Amino acid sequence: MTKILRSIRPRAPPTAVRVGGGADYLRRACWRRERMNMIGTHNFKKVVAIAPASFTNGATASGIIDTAGFDAMTLDLITSPANNATNSPTVLKLQEADVTNATSFTDIPQFVGGGAGGFAIPNEKTVASTAPFASFNVDLRSRKRYIQVVDVPQTTQIVSAIAQLGRAEQTPVGAASQNVAVVVTG
């Protein structure tokens, strides 16, 4: 009878059975878990590279991102639906430079749409979507300080680009360093 009761009796949490651990072990384990959860949500800076605006056929939509102090970037290009799926951008690329002069930027080969060593520019969407048109994941450790996104639509479209810089040398603290008006943490 005692064997049966032991098997159905609820077990103590794993931290309570650690020999010599006690409350100190539990406190350290909770701190580690909390710290790991916070790293993923607080080590980013957001940048609007291209503010949402309407660009006509052949007009250049571009924006420069200062990546100083960050090792990674995800850049999402968001476009409004085109009137025809074949109206994909004529130019879609990322460039880099050490300064912000327009003539200083050079193409990053793997991030040039339709270029040698680059990627194929997909057809444009023809219906409204919440998904970005393109997403660029950039390892900034071997890149120059400034990254420029360039998009030339084939038809009149609303274009915007948002970059999220990550793996900061110093964790951005507060709204100003994260480049937002308010930071809400829960």
Foldseek 3Di string as FASTA:
>chain_A
DVVVVVVPDDDDPPQVPDPPPPPVVVVVVVVVVVVVVVQVPFFKAKDWQFDWDKDFAQGKTKGKDFQPQFFKKKKFKAKFADQDQQFFWPWWFKWAAQDDDPVRTDTDQCGTAPHVNHHDGGGGHHHDDPGTSDMDIDGCPPTHRMMMIITRTRGIMTMIMMMMTGPGPDGQDFCVSSVHPGDDDD
